[in-house]
Each structure stands twice: as structure tokens, then as C-alpha cells.
Amino acid sequence: MSFASDVKKELTTLEVHKEHAKAELAALIRMNGAVTLVNRQFVLNVQTENAAIARRIYTLLKDHYQVNSELLVRRKMKLKKNNVYIVRLKQGTQDVLTDLEIMDGFMFRTRVSSSIMGNEQKMRSYLRGAFLAGGSVNNPETSRYHLEIYSMYEDQCNDLCEMLKFYDFNGRVLDRRNGYIVYLKGAEEIADFLILVGATNAMLKFEDVRIVRDLRNSVNRLINCENANMNKTADAAKRQIENIRLIEDRVGLDSLPERLKEVAEIRLENPEISLKELGEMLPSGAITKSGINHRIRKINEFAEKL
């Protein structure tokens, strides 16, 4: 089961206040529902590939509107042959959709109703329903941090984006083939969104994975940095020895000032030691790493003149 499926499974088990649950149901129906006219009666079909979400829709309709809906199962015949679950409402459809402010007379609304916009608890529930209907979130173990909610309607995505901004999220809307998405980037925002909609357990799992992943990345960066420093030190030491041998072959080390000569001789005898260790081995007395670095620079300049 994917991480997104785990999140949705947890969300379908939440118990919420009746009015807030209606906001969740409004999102589920608006985003996954379709209405047809059969024998002069409106018939609502809400379709999903998630059995838990289908049961959630069925239960919300039954508990809050006392209507008899049907739960149907179909099997896809193309590509992945998954089951498709359909919650079908044949009677009282217009009353339910009107109460949820999805229908106004015979007109359908794609915008989120004003009774939800600005209401903190209802917006929280609407975002939960929207995520159940069209949301996805990447597995933090295998991919970049990304959460999105898909909708066919641009104005609905804009409303979702406004809700996210209400809670200080940096949501953005993007055109996609056959629709639009509102999305979040960044681990902290995604973790906060999971808390907002009620997926606490999923958030804890997400944070555990994120901490381990970030720690692993930090360790890798430190190792890479250490390796780079070691390579840099090795390259510098190699260049120093080449310059010292050049001086030795051309004019002899006795041509160097005494303080440079003793550094050159110890470096030739100890090609792998650090500058700090080199400074501690001088017969004339230990000097700092900065002092050794200064003398090495003078030796390199002497070699370049040759």
C-alpha cells in the first residue's frame, strides 16, 4: 500500500462534527460526483477506486440525510484492472445537493460555498474531503516532497488555494492535462497539512522517514566534504613535494633560507602528514599551522621562479 493510501485510510476513520462532515461530503461529491437524469429524476454517482472512501461517502449520506444509496463495484477493463466503487443515490438527490450548496435550482456550482470559506473547521473538513477525492502525496522515502490535489475546475482549485493560505500554507495552482492541481512543496508544509486534515499517524510516519532521510543526507554531505578536503590536502602535499624536488634537482635545498630548508626536508621525509603535524616536527621549534603555511607558500614561489 502506498503512503498516500495509508493517509487516506486513516482519514476515512475520523469522526467529525455533523456540520463539518457535510463540508467533507461536499468536497467528495463535487470532485468525484456526476449527476444524470433518469426518468425525470436526478441520479448521483460518486466514483472512487478506494473502497474505504466509498464506504465513507455511503456512511456520510446515510447518517446525515437518511437516504438510501447503493454501493456498487465495477471492474476496470483497461490498463490496471482495479475495482471501481460507485455510491449511487437515486432519490432525494436534488435535496442533498442543494443542502450541500452544490446545486442552486438546476444549476451546478463549482465554487466552494461561502458558508465554508472563512469557517476554520469547515475548511479543514473540506480540505480533508478534497484530499480524499483527488489528493496524492509522494512517499518521503523514495521521492521529493510533494503533495497535490487534482480538480477539473480551476475556480475550485483557486478556492482550495485560498483555504491553504488561510492556514499559512504556500499553495500554488498549476494547469494539468484535463484539469488543475493545487500543490504544496517542502517537508514541513506537508507534515503540517497532514496534521490539519487529521492524519496524525501518517504525519508521525512522514516525520520519522524525513528525519532519517535528512540525517542520512547530512552524513553523506559530511563524508563527501571530508573526502574532498582529504583529496585537496593530498593534492597540495603532492604539489609541495614536486616543488621541493624541483629545487633540490636544480639548485639544491641549501639554496633555500634555513627556515624554509628545514620545512622542505621534513616534508620530503613525511609526505602524508598535515601542516599542523609538520609544524610540530621542526628542529628549531614548533610553529603554528599558519606559520607552516606561510613557509610552504614561500617554497612554492621559489620553485615557480626556477
Protein backbone atom coordinates (compact mmCIF):
# COMPACT_ATOMS: atom_id res chain seq x y z
CA MET A 1 0.00 0.00 0.00
CA SER A 2 1.35 3.44 -0.92
CA PHE A 3 1.93 6.21 1.60
CA ALA A 4 -0.94 8.22 0.05
CA SER A 5 -3.25 5.23 0.55
CA ASP A 6 -2.19 5.00 4.20
CA VAL A 7 -3.04 8.68 4.67
CA LYS A 8 -6.47 8.25 3.08
CA LYS A 9 -7.21 5.12 5.06
CA GLU A 10 -6.55 7.00 8.30
CA LEU A 11 -8.70 9.96 7.21
CA THR A 12 -11.69 7.70 6.50
CA THR A 13 -11.71 6.55 10.14
CA LEU A 14 -12.06 10.02 11.65
CA GLU A 15 -15.21 11.08 13.44
CA VAL A 16 -16.15 14.73 12.98
CA HIS A 17 -18.99 17.07 13.87
CA LYS A 18 -22.09 16.75 11.68
CA GLU A 19 -21.78 20.19 10.04
CA HIS A 20 -18.08 19.71 9.45
CA ALA A 21 -18.71 16.26 7.97
CA LYS A 22 -21.07 17.89 5.46
CA ALA A 23 -18.21 20.08 4.26
CA GLU A 24 -16.11 16.95 3.71
CA LEU A 25 -19.00 15.28 1.87
CA ALA A 26 -19.47 18.38 -0.31
CA ALA A 27 -15.84 18.13 -1.44
CA LEU A 28 -16.10 14.39 -2.15
CA ILE A 29 -19.25 14.81 -4.23
CA ARG A 30 -18.19 17.99 -6.02
CA MET A 31 -14.87 16.46 -7.08
CA ASN A 32 -15.83 12.84 -7.76
CA GLY A 33 -19.55 13.04 -8.41
CA ALA A 34 -21.61 13.07 -11.60
CA VAL A 35 -25.34 13.70 -11.98
CA THR A 36 -27.56 12.17 -14.65
CA LEU A 37 -31.28 12.48 -15.34
CA VAL A 38 -33.15 9.16 -15.31
CA ASN A 39 -36.95 9.06 -15.62
CA ARG A 40 -37.11 12.75 -14.69
CA GLN A 41 -35.13 12.08 -11.51
CA PHE A 42 -31.62 13.23 -10.73
CA VAL A 43 -29.28 10.31 -10.05
CA LEU A 44 -25.94 10.95 -8.34
CA ASN A 45 -22.95 8.68 -8.93
CA VAL A 46 -19.82 9.25 -6.84
CA GLN A 47 -16.93 7.14 -8.12
CA THR A 48 -13.64 6.16 -6.49
CA GLU A 49 -11.04 3.40 -6.68
CA ASN A 50 -10.69 3.35 -2.90
CA ALA A 51 -13.10 1.07 -1.02
CA ALA A 52 -12.64 2.91 2.29
CA ILE A 53 -13.53 6.25 0.66
CA ALA A 54 -16.63 4.71 -0.94
CA ARG A 55 -17.76 3.42 2.48
CA ARG A 56 -17.07 6.88 3.92
CA ILE A 57 -19.32 8.56 1.33
CA TYR A 58 -22.03 5.93 1.80
CA THR A 59 -21.95 6.35 5.60
CA LEU A 60 -21.97 10.16 5.49
CA LEU A 61 -25.01 10.16 3.21
CA LYS A 62 -26.82 7.66 5.41
CA ASP A 63 -26.00 9.36 8.73
CA HIS A 64 -26.70 12.95 7.73
CA TYR A 65 -29.52 12.67 5.20
CA GLN A 66 -31.25 9.37 5.98
CA VAL A 67 -31.31 8.48 2.28
CA ASN A 68 -30.92 5.04 0.78
CA SER A 69 -27.93 4.93 -1.52
CA GLU A 70 -26.34 1.95 -3.26
CA LEU A 71 -22.73 0.83 -3.15
CA LEU A 72 -21.72 -0.77 -6.44
CA VAL A 73 -18.48 -2.42 -7.51
CA ARG A 74 -17.23 -2.45 -11.09
CA ARG A 75 -14.01 -3.79 -12.54
CA LYS A 76 -11.88 -1.76 -14.91
CA MET A 77 -11.29 -3.39 -18.25
CA LYS A 78 -8.40 -1.17 -19.40
CA LEU A 79 -4.83 -0.91 -18.13
CA LYS A 80 -4.82 -1.70 -14.40
CA LYS A 81 -7.87 -3.85 -13.78
CA ASN A 82 -8.69 -2.32 -10.40
CA ASN A 83 -12.11 -2.26 -8.82
CA VAL A 84 -14.12 0.92 -9.15
CA TYR A 85 -16.58 1.71 -6.37
CA ILE A 86 -19.69 3.75 -7.08
CA VAL A 87 -22.01 5.27 -4.49
CA ARG A 88 -25.33 5.80 -6.28
CA LEU A 89 -28.15 7.98 -4.97
CA LYS A 90 -31.46 7.76 -6.84
CA GLN A 91 -33.87 9.52 -4.52
CA GLY A 92 -33.56 12.85 -2.76
CA THR A 93 -30.55 13.74 -4.88
CA GLN A 94 -31.55 17.33 -5.54
CA ASP A 95 -32.35 17.96 -1.87
CA VAL A 96 -28.95 16.62 -0.77
CA LEU A 97 -27.03 18.59 -3.41
CA THR A 98 -28.98 21.76 -2.60
CA ASP A 99 -28.28 21.40 1.11
CA LEU A 100 -24.58 20.90 0.35
CA GLU A 101 -24.74 24.03 -1.87
CA ILE A 102 -23.58 22.10 -4.91
CA MET A 103 -26.86 22.76 -6.75
CA ASP A 104 -28.78 26.01 -6.98
CA GLY A 105 -32.11 25.19 -8.62
CA PHE A 106 -31.00 23.35 -11.75
CA MET A 107 -27.56 24.96 -11.85
CA PHE A 108 -24.39 23.34 -10.54
CA ARG A 109 -21.81 25.29 -8.56
CA THR A 110 -18.11 24.58 -8.98
CA ARG A 111 -17.02 27.16 -6.42
CA VAL A 112 -16.82 26.33 -2.73
CA SER A 113 -19.80 27.80 -0.88
CA SER A 114 -19.45 30.98 1.17
CA SER A 115 -20.66 29.14 4.30
CA ILE A 116 -17.47 27.06 4.16
CA MET A 117 -14.96 29.70 3.04
CA GLY A 118 -13.66 31.50 6.12
CA ASN A 119 -15.01 28.91 8.58
CA GLU A 120 -11.92 27.33 10.12
CA GLN A 121 -13.42 23.92 10.98
CA LYS A 122 -15.44 23.56 7.80
CA MET A 123 -12.47 24.46 5.61
CA ARG A 124 -10.40 21.87 7.46
CA SER A 125 -13.03 19.23 6.68
CA TYR A 126 -13.40 20.41 3.09
CA LEU A 127 -9.64 20.09 2.55
CA ARG A 128 -9.82 16.59 4.01
CA GLY A 129 -12.60 15.65 1.60
CA ALA A 130 -10.74 17.24 -1.31
CA PHE A 131 -7.61 15.24 -0.49
CA LEU A 132 -9.64 12.03 -0.23
CA ALA A 133 -11.25 12.75 -3.59
CA GLY A 134 -8.30 13.95 -5.64
CA GLY A 135 -5.21 14.09 -3.45
CA SER A 136 -1.85 12.40 -3.59
CA VAL A 137 1.39 12.68 -1.63
CA ASN A 138 4.76 11.25 -2.53
CA ASN A 139 6.40 8.61 -0.39
CA PRO A 140 9.06 10.52 1.59
CA GLU A 141 11.41 7.52 1.37
CA THR A 142 11.69 7.45 -2.40
CA SER A 143 10.90 10.82 -3.92
CA ARG A 144 10.80 14.55 -3.50
CA TYR A 145 8.42 16.08 -1.01
CA HIS A 146 5.23 16.82 -2.97
CA LEU A 147 1.51 16.90 -2.15
CA GLU A 148 -1.21 17.81 -4.61
CA ILE A 149 -5.00 17.86 -5.04
CA TYR A 150 -6.48 17.49 -8.52
CA SER A 151 -9.74 19.03 -9.73
CA MET A 152 -11.39 19.50 -13.09
CA TYR A 153 -12.34 23.05 -12.13
CA GLU A 154 -9.89 25.94 -11.97
CA ASP A 155 -12.08 28.04 -9.68
CA GLN A 156 -12.32 25.19 -7.18
CA CYS A 157 -8.52 24.83 -7.15
CA ASN A 158 -8.29 28.57 -6.57
CA ASP A 159 -10.66 28.21 -3.61
CA LEU A 160 -8.57 25.34 -2.23
CA CYS A 161 -5.51 27.53 -2.59
CA GLU A 162 -7.23 30.32 -0.65
CA MET A 163 -8.05 27.86 2.12
CA LEU A 164 -4.42 26.79 2.31
CA LYS A 165 -3.33 30.42 2.53
CA PHE A 166 -5.76 30.88 5.43
CA TYR A 167 -3.67 28.32 7.32
CA ASP A 168 -0.40 29.97 6.15
CA PHE A 169 0.46 27.35 3.53
CA ASN A 170 2.19 28.38 0.32
CA GLY A 171 -0.24 26.59 -2.03
CA ARG A 172 0.01 27.10 -5.78
CA VAL A 173 -2.27 26.25 -8.69
CA LEU A 174 -0.96 24.64 -11.84
CA ASP A 175 -2.60 23.62 -15.13
CA ARG A 176 -2.61 19.90 -15.79
CA ARG A 177 -3.96 17.85 -18.64
CA ASN A 178 -7.76 17.74 -18.34
CA GLY A 179 -7.76 19.80 -15.16
CA TYR A 180 -5.82 21.67 -12.49
CA ILE A 181 -3.89 20.93 -9.32
CA VAL A 182 -3.14 22.85 -6.16
CA TYR A 183 0.12 21.66 -4.64
CA LEU A 184 2.48 22.01 -1.70
CA LYS A 185 6.26 21.59 -1.69
CA GLY A 186 8.52 21.12 1.31
CA ALA A 187 8.51 18.56 4.10
CA GLU A 188 7.35 20.90 6.87
CA GLU A 189 4.32 22.17 4.94
CA ILE A 190 3.26 18.64 4.01
CA ALA A 191 3.61 17.45 7.62
CA ASP A 192 1.55 20.45 8.81
CA PHE A 193 -1.13 19.73 6.18
CA LEU A 194 -1.42 16.12 7.36
CA ILE A 195 -1.98 17.40 10.91
CA LEU A 196 -4.53 19.93 9.65
CA VAL A 197 -6.73 17.32 7.95
CA GLY A 198 -6.38 14.83 10.82
CA ALA A 199 -3.82 12.31 9.55
CA THR A 200 -1.74 12.38 12.74
CA ASN A 201 -0.33 8.85 12.47
CA ALA A 202 0.65 9.40 8.84
CA MET A 203 2.34 12.66 9.84
CA LEU A 204 4.40 10.86 12.51
CA LYS A 205 5.47 8.24 9.98
CA PHE A 206 6.28 11.01 7.48
CA GLU A 207 8.39 12.86 10.06
CA ASP A 208 10.25 9.68 11.10
CA VAL A 209 11.17 8.97 7.49
CA ARG A 210 12.09 12.61 6.88
CA ILE A 211 14.37 12.79 9.93
CA VAL A 212 16.20 9.58 8.94
CA ARG A 213 16.45 10.74 5.34
CA ASP A 214 17.74 14.19 6.28
CA LEU A 215 20.23 12.65 8.73
CA ARG A 216 21.47 10.28 6.05
CA ASN A 217 21.85 13.19 3.62
CA SER A 218 23.75 15.19 6.25
CA VAL A 219 26.11 12.30 6.92
CA ASN A 220 26.68 11.86 3.19
CA ARG A 221 27.44 15.56 2.82
CA LEU A 222 29.91 15.41 5.71
CA ILE A 223 31.61 12.34 4.22
CA ASN A 224 31.79 13.98 0.80
CA CYS A 225 33.18 17.16 2.36
CA GLU A 226 35.77 15.17 4.32
CA ASN A 227 36.77 13.25 1.22
CA ALA A 228 37.05 16.49 -0.73
CA ASN A 229 39.25 18.00 2.00
CA MET A 230 41.43 14.89 2.07
CA ASN A 231 41.82 14.99 -1.70
CA LYS A 232 42.60 18.70 -1.55
CA THR A 233 45.22 18.10 1.17
CA ALA A 234 46.74 15.22 -0.78
CA ASP A 235 46.92 17.31 -3.98
CA ALA A 236 48.53 20.20 -2.09
CA ALA A 237 51.11 17.89 -0.47
CA LYS A 238 51.92 16.34 -3.86
CA ARG A 239 52.48 19.79 -5.35
CA GLN A 240 54.70 20.79 -2.42
CA ILE A 241 56.88 17.70 -2.81
CA GLU A 242 57.17 18.23 -6.57
CA ASN A 243 58.31 21.81 -5.98
CA ILE A 244 60.81 20.79 -3.30
CA ARG A 245 62.30 18.11 -5.55
CA LEU A 246 62.49 20.64 -8.39
CA ILE A 247 64.50 22.96 -6.14
CA GLU A 248 66.67 20.06 -4.97
CA ASP A 249 67.43 18.97 -8.56
CA ARG A 250 68.05 22.46 -9.94
CA VAL A 251 69.91 24.38 -7.24
CA GLY A 252 69.87 22.15 -4.12
CA LEU A 253 67.98 22.68 -0.89
CA ASP A 254 70.97 24.59 0.57
CA SER A 255 69.93 27.49 -1.68
CA LEU A 256 66.84 27.97 0.49
CA PRO A 257 66.87 30.09 3.66
CA GLU A 258 67.43 27.89 6.72
CA ARG A 259 63.84 28.22 7.98
CA LEU A 260 62.50 27.09 4.57
CA LYS A 261 65.11 24.35 4.18
CA GLU A 262 64.12 22.57 7.37
CA VAL A 263 60.45 22.61 6.31
CA ALA A 264 61.36 21.23 2.86
CA GLU A 265 63.46 18.40 4.32
CA ILE A 266 60.76 17.29 6.78
CA ARG A 267 58.09 17.45 4.07
CA LEU A 268 60.17 15.16 1.83
CA GLU A 269 60.61 12.70 4.69
CA ASN A 270 56.93 12.84 5.69
CA PRO A 271 54.78 13.34 2.56
CA GLU A 272 51.49 12.32 4.21
CA ILE A 273 51.44 14.39 7.41
CA SER A 274 49.29 17.50 7.84
CA LEU A 275 50.63 21.05 8.04
CA LYS A 276 49.89 21.11 11.76
CA GLU A 277 51.94 17.96 12.33
CA LEU A 278 54.69 19.34 10.11
CA GLY A 279 54.89 22.45 12.26
CA GLU A 280 55.28 20.34 15.40
CA MET A 281 58.27 18.43 13.97
CA LEU A 282 60.59 21.35 13.22
CA PRO A 283 64.01 21.03 14.91
CA SER A 284 64.12 24.77 15.57
CA GLY A 285 60.87 24.62 17.50
CA ALA A 286 57.19 24.08 16.79
CA ILE A 287 55.26 26.75 14.92
CA THR A 288 51.58 27.17 14.09
CA LYS A 289 49.78 25.81 11.04
CA SER A 290 49.56 29.38 9.74
CA GLY A 291 53.34 29.76 10.07
CA ILE A 292 54.00 26.49 8.23
CA ASN A 293 51.54 27.51 5.51
CA HIS A 294 53.46 30.77 5.06
CA ARG A 295 56.79 28.94 4.68
CA ILE A 296 55.29 26.41 2.24
CA ARG A 297 53.97 29.30 0.15
CA LYS A 298 57.49 30.80 0.04
CA ILE A 299 58.93 27.45 -1.10
CA ASN A 300 56.31 27.22 -3.87
CA GLU A 301 57.14 30.75 -5.00
CA PHE A 302 60.86 29.89 -5.05
CA ALA A 303 60.11 26.83 -7.23
CA GLU A 304 57.93 28.86 -9.62
CA LYS A 305 60.81 31.30 -10.21
CA LEU A 306 63.00 28.37 -11.27
